[in-house]
Amino acid sequence: MTLKAIGVGGCFAPISVGNSNFLLEENGKKLMIDFGMTAPYILRDEMNVSLHELDLWCSHLHPDHSALSFFAFFRYFVPNAEQKIIKPTLYLNQSLVHPLWENSLKGDLESVHGKVLKLEDYFDLRVIQKNKSFMWQGAKFSPFQVTHVTNCLQVKPAYGIMIETKDNCLVITGDSVFSPDSLSYFYNKATIIFQDTEVGPRSRVHANWEDIRLLPKSILDKMFHYHYTKVPEDGDSSRFIRKGQVFDL
């Protein structure tokens, strides 16, 4: 199984950097870990990947991770090379299903000519129940809740994911504040860690490099960084993921 970085930047990253989305490939199948605003253009124009090939898992509902209106319309209306319309599979944690449709997609996707549609009309929806995993091409995918944004009254649903293959255990933190205690189980189990890493002023919704760099060496030695704006002066540039970089899992 391989994983390619489709982008490594934040919400406002240019296409030259891309939103932090990843593409898994195994046995001719492709699964996107998040699908942001820059993804369709990078996939089509730079990486020669057709949207017809993709299934999806989304970590949370910010547009650099779940810009699904374009993708849904494309797959609903545009046939593949065999002139078939095939619904993509969307793996989605239960807590995201209602807000994804009601708050993010319904205004764009509910009405087409002569029809009123719902989320399941666009996607083969696979709902991941609380504390459950799913399998894809022989690998086990275990989403885990993280703290990304709070609005003072509640923590908005957001997830990292642990991917267990025959040879490796990859942990992608997702957009998350610095929380080494709650992530300790995943940090310790992982053979590879992809860490949301903010460089520069603190936004309070991402883990900041000034904190991450103080983690134990045993954790840092298996950690790679993404969602950054620049490589810090005291950082190892080889540990900051580049757009298009491929990892073998």
C-alpha atoms as a PDB file:
ATOM      1  CA  MET A   1       0.000   0.000   0.000  1.00  0.00           C
ATOM      2  CA  THR A   2       1.261   3.478  -0.831  1.00  0.00           C
ATOM      3  CA  LEU A   3       0.270   6.892   0.440  1.00  0.00           C
ATOM      4  CA  LYS A   4       0.858  10.084  -1.532  1.00  0.00           C
ATOM      5  CA  ALA A   5       0.595  13.633  -0.218  1.00  0.00           C
ATOM      6  CA  ILE A   6      -1.826  15.498  -2.492  1.00  0.00           C
ATOM      7  CA  GLY A   7      -1.075  18.633  -0.498  1.00  0.00           C
ATOM      8  CA  VAL A   8       0.578  19.614   2.760  1.00  0.00           C
ATOM      9  CA  GLY A   9      -0.773  23.096   3.577  1.00  0.00           C
ATOM     10  CA  GLY A  10      -3.671  24.677   5.395  1.00  0.00           C
ATOM     11  CA  CYS A  11      -7.032  26.028   4.336  1.00  0.00           C
ATOM     12  CA  PHE A  12      -5.577  29.015   2.464  1.00  0.00           C
ATOM     13  CA  ALA A  13      -2.673  27.204   0.825  1.00  0.00           C
ATOM     14  CA  PRO A  14      -2.154  27.842  -2.915  1.00  0.00           C
ATOM     15  CA  ILE A  15      -2.507  24.940  -5.316  1.00  0.00           C
ATOM     16  CA  SER A  16       1.294  24.830  -5.527  1.00  0.00           C
ATOM     17  CA  VAL A  17       1.228  23.608  -1.904  1.00  0.00           C
ATOM     18  CA  GLY A  18      -2.285  22.159  -1.690  1.00  0.00           C
ATOM     19  CA  ASN A  19      -4.612  21.382   1.183  1.00  0.00           C
ATOM     20  CA  SER A  20      -3.471  18.573   3.477  1.00  0.00           C
ATOM     21  CA  ASN A  21      -5.086  15.574   1.764  1.00  0.00           C
ATOM     22  CA  PHE A  22      -3.619  12.107   1.192  1.00  0.00           C
ATOM     23  CA  LEU A  23      -4.191   9.405  -1.436  1.00  0.00           C
ATOM     24  CA  LEU A  24      -3.931   5.713  -0.571  1.00  0.00           C
ATOM     25  CA  GLU A  25      -3.471   3.149  -3.338  1.00  0.00           C
ATOM     26  CA  GLU A  26      -3.642  -0.649  -3.114  1.00  0.00           C
ATOM     27  CA  ASN A  27      -4.616  -3.329  -5.637  1.00  0.00           C
ATOM     28  CA  GLY A  28      -5.664  -0.706  -8.163  1.00  0.00           C
ATOM     29  CA  LYS A  29      -8.028   0.952  -5.676  1.00  0.00           C
ATOM     30  CA  LYS A  30      -7.729   4.538  -4.450  1.00  0.00           C
ATOM     31  CA  LEU A  31      -8.964   6.083  -1.192  1.00  0.00           C
ATOM     32  CA  MET A  32      -8.643   9.771  -0.347  1.00  0.00           C
ATOM     33  CA  ILE A  33      -8.005  10.774   3.235  1.00  0.00           C
ATOM     34  CA  ASP A  34      -9.840  14.100   3.055  1.00  0.00           C
ATOM     35  CA  PHE A  35     -10.765  15.970  -0.115  1.00  0.00           C
ATOM     36  CA  GLY A  36     -10.220  19.711   0.038  1.00  0.00           C
ATOM     37  CA  MET A  37     -10.711  22.621  -2.302  1.00  0.00           C
ATOM     38  CA  THR A  38      -7.407  22.145  -4.112  1.00  0.00           C
ATOM     39  CA  ALA A  39      -7.688  18.358  -4.500  1.00  0.00           C
ATOM     40  CA  PRO A  40      -9.626  18.073  -7.790  1.00  0.00           C
ATOM     41  CA  TYR A  41      -7.229  20.364  -9.633  1.00  0.00           C
ATOM     42  CA  ILE A  42      -4.035  18.805  -8.259  1.00  0.00           C
ATOM     43  CA  LEU A  43      -5.313  15.294  -8.948  1.00  0.00           C
ATOM     44  CA  ARG A  44      -6.415  16.123 -12.504  1.00  0.00           C
ATOM     45  CA  ASP A  45      -3.795  18.588 -13.660  1.00  0.00           C
ATOM     46  CA  GLU A  46      -0.653  17.434 -11.847  1.00  0.00           C
ATOM     47  CA  MET A  47      -1.071  13.781 -10.847  1.00  0.00           C
ATOM     48  CA  ASN A  48      -3.200  12.355 -13.681  1.00  0.00           C
ATOM     49  CA  VAL A  49      -5.699  10.826 -11.237  1.00  0.00           C
ATOM     50  CA  SER A  50      -9.344  10.685 -12.311  1.00  0.00           C
ATOM     51  CA  LEU A  51     -12.062  11.533  -9.812  1.00  0.00           C
ATOM     52  CA  HIS A  52     -13.826   8.407 -11.101  1.00  0.00           C
ATOM     53  CA  GLU A  53     -11.191   6.289  -9.349  1.00  0.00           C
ATOM     54  CA  LEU A  54     -11.713   7.654  -5.846  1.00  0.00           C
ATOM     55  CA  ASP A  55     -13.462   6.678  -2.666  1.00  0.00           C
ATOM     56  CA  LEU A  56     -13.277   8.949   0.403  1.00  0.00           C
ATOM     57  CA  TRP A  57     -12.899   9.254   4.146  1.00  0.00           C
ATOM     58  CA  CYS A  58     -13.283  12.729   5.696  1.00  0.00           C
ATOM     59  CA  SER A  59     -11.882  13.806   9.042  1.00  0.00           C
ATOM     60  CA  HIS A  60     -14.014  16.901   9.641  1.00  0.00           C
ATOM     61  CA  LEU A  61     -16.117  19.499   7.861  1.00  0.00           C
ATOM     62  CA  HIS A  62     -13.758  22.365   7.073  1.00  0.00           C
ATOM     63  CA  PRO A  63     -13.528  23.003   3.302  1.00  0.00           C
ATOM     64  CA  ASP A  64      -9.833  22.138   3.044  1.00  0.00           C
ATOM     65  CA  HIS A  65     -10.844  18.621   4.129  1.00  0.00           C
ATOM     66  CA  SER A  66     -14.413  18.093   2.917  1.00  0.00           C
ATOM     67  CA  ALA A  67     -15.122  20.186  -0.197  1.00  0.00           C
ATOM     68  CA  LEU A  68     -17.469  17.521  -1.519  1.00  0.00           C
ATOM     69  CA  SER A  69     -20.043  19.443  -3.591  1.00  0.00           C
ATOM     70  CA  PHE A  70     -17.848  19.515  -6.698  1.00  0.00           C
ATOM     71  CA  PHE A  71     -16.876  15.865  -6.254  1.00  0.00           C
ATOM     72  CA  ALA A  72     -20.493  14.757  -5.690  1.00  0.00           C
ATOM     73  CA  PHE A  73     -21.821  16.595  -8.757  1.00  0.00           C
ATOM     74  CA  PHE A  74     -18.990  15.287 -10.930  1.00  0.00           C
ATOM     75  CA  ARG A  75     -19.573  11.669  -9.954  1.00  0.00           C
ATOM     76  CA  TYR A  76     -23.363  12.043 -10.239  1.00  0.00           C
ATOM     77  CA  PHE A  77     -23.409  13.574 -13.712  1.00  0.00           C
ATOM     78  CA  VAL A  78     -20.183  12.580 -15.515  1.00  0.00           C
ATOM     79  CA  PRO A  79     -19.883   8.942 -16.673  1.00  0.00           C
ATOM     80  CA  ASN A  80     -16.612   7.067 -16.471  1.00  0.00           C
ATOM     81  CA  ALA A  81     -14.679   5.623 -19.426  1.00  0.00           C
ATOM     82  CA  GLU A  82     -17.191   2.754 -19.621  1.00  0.00           C
ATOM     83  CA  GLN A  83     -20.041   5.296 -19.783  1.00  0.00           C
ATOM     84  CA  LYS A  84     -21.256   4.292 -16.333  1.00  0.00           C
ATOM     85  CA  ILE A  85     -22.269   6.395 -13.358  1.00  0.00           C
ATOM     86  CA  ILE A  86     -20.954   4.701 -10.211  1.00  0.00           C
ATOM     87  CA  LYS A  87     -21.489   6.152  -6.745  1.00  0.00           C
ATOM     88  CA  PRO A  88     -18.250   6.589  -4.815  1.00  0.00           C
ATOM     89  CA  THR A  89     -17.956   5.084  -1.352  1.00  0.00           C
ATOM     90  CA  LEU A  90     -17.859   7.638   1.456  1.00  0.00           C
ATOM     91  CA  TYR A  91     -16.663   6.416   4.848  1.00  0.00           C
ATOM     92  CA  LEU A  92     -17.949   8.875   7.440  1.00  0.00           C
ATOM     93  CA  ASN A  93     -18.078   8.904  11.210  1.00  0.00           C
ATOM     94  CA  GLN A  94     -21.607   8.896  12.550  1.00  0.00           C
ATOM     95  CA  SER A  95     -21.323  12.294  14.221  1.00  0.00           C
ATOM     96  CA  LEU A  96     -20.473  13.935  10.863  1.00  0.00           C
ATOM     97  CA  VAL A  97     -23.289  12.496   8.746  1.00  0.00           C
ATOM     98  CA  HIS A  98     -26.090  14.903   9.698  1.00  0.00           C
ATOM     99  CA  PRO A  99     -23.991  18.113   9.755  1.00  0.00           C
ATOM    100  CA  LEU A 100     -22.245  17.229   6.486  1.00  0.00           C
ATOM    101  CA  TRP A 101     -25.572  17.133   4.678  1.00  0.00           C
ATOM    102  CA  GLU A 102     -27.600  19.711   6.597  1.00  0.00           C
ATOM    103  CA  ASN A 103     -24.877  22.306   7.149  1.00  0.00           C
ATOM    104  CA  SER A 104     -22.436  21.793   4.271  1.00  0.00           C
ATOM    105  CA  LEU A 105     -23.915  20.083   1.202  1.00  0.00           C
ATOM    106  CA  LYS A 106     -27.702  20.327   1.182  1.00  0.00           C
ATOM    107  CA  GLY A 107     -27.869  23.834  -0.276  1.00  0.00           C
ATOM    108  CA  ASP A 108     -25.791  22.758  -3.284  1.00  0.00           C
ATOM    109  CA  LEU A 109     -26.864  19.174  -3.794  1.00  0.00           C
ATOM    110  CA  GLU A 110     -30.480  18.745  -2.678  1.00  0.00           C
ATOM    111  CA  SER A 111     -32.117  19.996  -5.872  1.00  0.00           C
ATOM    112  CA  VAL A 112     -31.396  18.835  -9.391  1.00  0.00           C
ATOM    113  CA  HIS A 113     -33.789  19.095 -12.327  1.00  0.00           C
ATOM    114  CA  GLY A 114     -36.935  17.160 -11.473  1.00  0.00           C
ATOM    115  CA  LYS A 115     -35.552  15.590  -8.279  1.00  0.00           C
ATOM    116  CA  VAL A 116     -35.003  16.171  -4.580  1.00  0.00           C
ATOM    117  CA  LEU A 117     -31.905  14.263  -3.481  1.00  0.00           C
ATOM    118  CA  LYS A 118     -30.175  13.257  -0.266  1.00  0.00           C
ATOM    119  CA  LEU A 119     -26.626  12.331   0.684  1.00  0.00           C
ATOM    120  CA  GLU A 120     -27.135   8.648  -0.154  1.00  0.00           C
ATOM    121  CA  ASP A 121     -28.111   9.540  -3.724  1.00  0.00           C
ATOM    122  CA  TYR A 122     -24.572  10.781  -4.308  1.00  0.00           C
ATOM    123  CA  PHE A 123     -22.534   8.385  -2.190  1.00  0.00           C
ATOM    124  CA  ASP A 124     -22.440   4.765  -1.151  1.00  0.00           C
ATOM    125  CA  LEU A 125     -22.437   5.890   2.463  1.00  0.00           C
ATOM    126  CA  ARG A 126     -20.626   3.704   4.999  1.00  0.00           C
ATOM    127  CA  VAL A 127     -21.342   5.092   8.456  1.00  0.00           C
ATOM    128  CA  ILE A 128     -18.661   4.372  11.045  1.00  0.00           C
ATOM    129  CA  GLN A 129     -20.288   3.879  14.417  1.00  0.00           C
ATOM    130  CA  LYS A 130     -18.741   5.256  17.613  1.00  0.00           C
ATOM    131  CA  ASN A 131     -15.547   3.423  18.640  1.00  0.00           C
ATOM    132  CA  LYS A 132     -15.630   1.235  15.520  1.00  0.00           C
ATOM    133  CA  SER A 133     -13.194   0.644  12.652  1.00  0.00           C
ATOM    134  CA  PHE A 134     -13.557  -0.207   8.986  1.00  0.00           C
ATOM    135  CA  MET A 135     -11.536  -2.331   6.576  1.00  0.00           C
ATOM    136  CA  TRP A 136     -10.212  -1.226   3.188  1.00  0.00           C
ATOM    137  CA  GLN A 137      -8.031  -3.433   0.979  1.00  0.00           C
ATOM    138  CA  GLY A 138      -6.915  -5.571   3.908  1.00  0.00           C
ATOM    139  CA  ALA A 139      -5.960  -2.636   6.152  1.00  0.00           C
ATOM    140  CA  LYS A 140      -7.757  -1.637   9.340  1.00  0.00           C
ATOM    141  CA  PHE A 141      -8.815   2.015   9.653  1.00  0.00           C
ATOM    142  CA  SER A 142      -9.631   3.279  13.144  1.00  0.00           C
ATOM    143  CA  PRO A 143     -10.838   6.891  13.445  1.00  0.00           C
ATOM    144  CA  PHE A 144     -10.300   8.560  16.814  1.00  0.00           C
ATOM    145  CA  GLN A 145     -11.776  11.802  18.055  1.00  0.00           C
ATOM    146  CA  VAL A 146      -9.524  14.832  18.440  1.00  0.00           C
ATOM    147  CA  THR A 147     -10.017  18.386  19.654  1.00  0.00           C
ATOM    148  CA  HIS A 148      -9.739  20.892  16.832  1.00  0.00           C
ATOM    149  CA  VAL A 149     -12.288  23.694  17.315  1.00  0.00           C
ATOM    150  CA  THR A 150     -14.510  24.539  20.264  1.00  0.00           C
ATOM    151  CA  ASN A 151     -17.181  27.229  20.153  1.00  0.00           C
ATOM    152  CA  CYS A 152     -17.217  27.612  23.976  1.00  0.00           C
ATOM    153  CA  LEU A 153     -20.300  25.378  24.235  1.00  0.00           C
ATOM    154  CA  GLN A 154     -19.087  22.224  22.495  1.00  0.00           C
ATOM    155  CA  VAL A 155     -16.198  20.551  20.740  1.00  0.00           C
ATOM    156  CA  LYS A 156     -16.905  20.262  17.028  1.00  0.00           C
ATOM    157  CA  PRO A 157     -16.538  16.694  15.706  1.00  0.00           C
ATOM    158  CA  ALA A 158     -13.116  16.024  14.195  1.00  0.00           C
ATOM    159  CA  TYR A 159     -11.082  12.860  13.809  1.00  0.00           C
ATOM    160  CA  GLY A 160      -7.612  11.535  13.300  1.00  0.00           C
ATOM    161  CA  ILE A 161      -7.137   8.048  11.902  1.00  0.00           C
ATOM    162  CA  MET A 162      -4.930   5.033  12.595  1.00  0.00           C
ATOM    163  CA  ILE A 163      -4.215   2.796   9.588  1.00  0.00           C
ATOM    164  CA  GLU A 164      -2.872  -0.674  10.353  1.00  0.00           C
ATOM    165  CA  THR A 165      -1.346  -2.643   7.475  1.00  0.00           C
ATOM    166  CA  LYS A 166       0.614  -5.881   7.559  1.00  0.00           C
ATOM    167  CA  ASP A 167       3.895  -4.002   7.964  1.00  0.00           C
ATOM    168  CA  ASN A 168       3.126  -0.633   9.538  1.00  0.00           C
ATOM    169  CA  CYS A 169       0.826   1.392  11.745  1.00  0.00           C
ATOM    170  CA  LEU A 170       0.317   4.932  10.430  1.00  0.00           C
ATOM    171  CA  VAL A 171      -1.308   7.548  12.642  1.00  0.00           C
ATOM    172  CA  ILE A 172      -2.575  10.757  11.007  1.00  0.00           C
ATOM    173  CA  THR A 173      -3.538  13.164  13.761  1.00  0.00           C
ATOM    174  CA  GLY A 174      -5.942  15.205  11.646  1.00  0.00           C
ATOM    175  CA  ASP A 175      -6.406  18.862  12.508  1.00  0.00           C
ATOM    176  CA  SER A 176      -5.883  18.868  16.265  1.00  0.00           C
ATOM    177  CA  VAL A 177      -4.623  20.985  19.099  1.00  0.00           C
ATOM    178  CA  PHE A 178      -1.494  19.800  20.895  1.00  0.00           C
ATOM    179  CA  SER A 179      -2.722  16.948  23.082  1.00  0.00           C
ATOM    180  CA  PRO A 180       0.061  14.438  23.780  1.00  0.00           C
ATOM    181  CA  ASP A 181      -1.794  12.840  26.678  1.00  0.00           C
ATOM    182  CA  SER A 182      -4.911  11.967  24.694  1.00  0.00           C
ATOM    183  CA  LEU A 183      -2.785  10.871  21.718  1.00  0.00           C
ATOM    184  CA  SER A 184      -0.228   8.875  23.752  1.00  0.00           C
ATOM    185  CA  TYR A 185      -1.767   5.504  22.880  1.00  0.00           C
ATOM    186  CA  PHE A 186      -1.597   6.291  19.151  1.00  0.00           C
ATOM    187  CA  TYR A 187       1.866   7.871  19.354  1.00  0.00           C
ATOM    188  CA  ASN A 188       3.246   4.796  21.088  1.00  0.00           C
ATOM    189  CA  LYS A 189       1.561   2.239  18.822  1.00  0.00           C
ATOM    190  CA  ALA A 190       2.451   3.987  15.555  1.00  0.00           C
ATOM    191  CA  THR A 191       5.437   3.120  13.419  1.00  0.00           C
ATOM    192  CA  ILE A 192       4.833   6.326  11.417  1.00  0.00           C
ATOM    193  CA  ILE A 193       3.123   9.510  12.641  1.00  0.00           C
ATOM    194  CA  PHE A 194       1.781  12.294  10.434  1.00  0.00           C
ATOM    195  CA  GLN A 195       1.433  15.277  12.770  1.00  0.00           C
ATOM    196  CA  ASP A 196      -0.633  18.408  12.165  1.00  0.00           C
ATOM    197  CA  THR A 197       2.078  21.030  12.701  1.00  0.00           C
ATOM    198  CA  GLU A 198       1.465  24.752  12.820  1.00  0.00           C
ATOM    199  CA  VAL A 199       4.602  26.858  12.378  1.00  0.00           C
ATOM    200  CA  GLY A 200       4.525  30.454  13.562  1.00  0.00           C
ATOM    201  CA  PRO A 201       1.823  32.325  15.517  1.00  0.00           C
ATOM    202  CA  ARG A 202      -0.525  30.164  17.584  1.00  0.00           C
ATOM    203  CA  SER A 203      -4.013  29.806  16.179  1.00  0.00           C
ATOM    204  CA  ARG A 204      -5.199  27.703  19.162  1.00  0.00           C
ATOM    205  CA  VAL A 205      -6.796  25.152  16.795  1.00  0.00           C
ATOM    206  CA  HIS A 206      -3.638  23.338  15.611  1.00  0.00           C
ATOM    207  CA  ALA A 207      -0.637  21.815  17.350  1.00  0.00           C
ATOM    208  CA  ASN A 208       2.224  24.312  17.284  1.00  0.00           C
ATOM    209  CA  TRP A 209       5.823  23.420  16.432  1.00  0.00           C
ATOM    210  CA  GLU A 210       7.082  25.096  19.618  1.00  0.00           C
ATOM    211  CA  ASP A 211       5.254  22.396  21.607  1.00  0.00           C
ATOM    212  CA  ILE A 212       5.732  19.484  19.225  1.00  0.00           C
ATOM    213  CA  ARG A 213       9.508  19.851  19.134  1.00  0.00           C
ATOM    214  CA  LEU A 214       9.635  19.140  22.889  1.00  0.00           C
ATOM    215  CA  LEU A 215       8.037  15.698  22.567  1.00  0.00           C
ATOM    216  CA  PRO A 216      10.224  12.700  23.503  1.00  0.00           C
ATOM    217  CA  LYS A 217      12.818  11.704  20.917  1.00  0.00           C
ATOM    218  CA  SER A 218      11.225   8.259  20.641  1.00  0.00           C
ATOM    219  CA  ILE A 219       8.080   9.939  19.290  1.00  0.00           C
ATOM    220  CA  LEU A 220       9.801  12.586  17.163  1.00  0.00           C
ATOM    221  CA  ASP A 221      11.957   9.959  15.443  1.00  0.00           C
ATOM    222  CA  LYS A 222       8.877   8.425  13.796  1.00  0.00           C
ATOM    223  CA  MET A 223       7.041  11.707  13.170  1.00  0.00           C
ATOM    224  CA  PHE A 224       6.522  13.587   9.913  1.00  0.00           C
ATOM    225  CA  HIS A 225       4.883  17.010   9.768  1.00  0.00           C
ATOM    226  CA  TYR A 226       2.159  18.455   7.542  1.00  0.00           C
ATOM    227  CA  HIS A 227      -0.303  21.385   7.502  1.00  0.00           C
ATOM    228  CA  TYR A 228       2.627  23.776   7.896  1.00  0.00           C
ATOM    229  CA  THR A 229       3.388  27.114   6.213  1.00  0.00           C
ATOM    230  CA  LYS A 230       7.186  26.880   6.337  1.00  0.00           C
ATOM    231  CA  VAL A 231       9.883  24.638   7.734  1.00  0.00           C
ATOM    232  CA  PRO A 232      11.042  26.083  11.063  1.00  0.00           C
ATOM    233  CA  GLU A 233      14.670  27.106  11.415  1.00  0.00           C
ATOM    234  CA  ASP A 234      15.264  24.444  14.064  1.00  0.00           C
ATOM    235  CA  GLY A 235      13.335  21.750  12.164  1.00  0.00           C
ATOM    236  CA  ASP A 236      14.651  18.901  10.011  1.00  0.00           C
ATOM    237  CA  SER A 237      13.329  19.629   6.521  1.00  0.00           C
ATOM    238  CA  SER A 238      13.365  15.920   5.659  1.00  0.00           C
ATOM    239  CA  ARG A 239      10.648  15.378   8.294  1.00  0.00           C
ATOM    240  CA  PHE A 240       8.289  17.946   6.744  1.00  0.00           C
ATOM    241  CA  ILE A 241       6.181  16.195   4.123  1.00  0.00           C
ATOM    242  CA  ARG A 242       6.362  17.571   0.592  1.00  0.00           C
ATOM    243  CA  LYS A 243       3.506  17.691  -1.881  1.00  0.00           C
ATOM    244  CA  GLY A 244       3.689  14.576  -4.050  1.00  0.00           C
ATOM    245  CA  GLN A 245       5.841  12.656  -1.551  1.00  0.00           C
ATOM    246  CA  VAL A 246       5.064   8.917  -1.443  1.00  0.00           C
ATOM    247  CA  PHE A 247       5.273   6.612   1.568  1.00  0.00           C
ATOM    248  CA  ASP A 248       5.196   2.800   1.470  1.00  0.00           C
ATOM    249  CA  LEU A 249       2.940   1.265   4.083  1.00  0.00           C
END
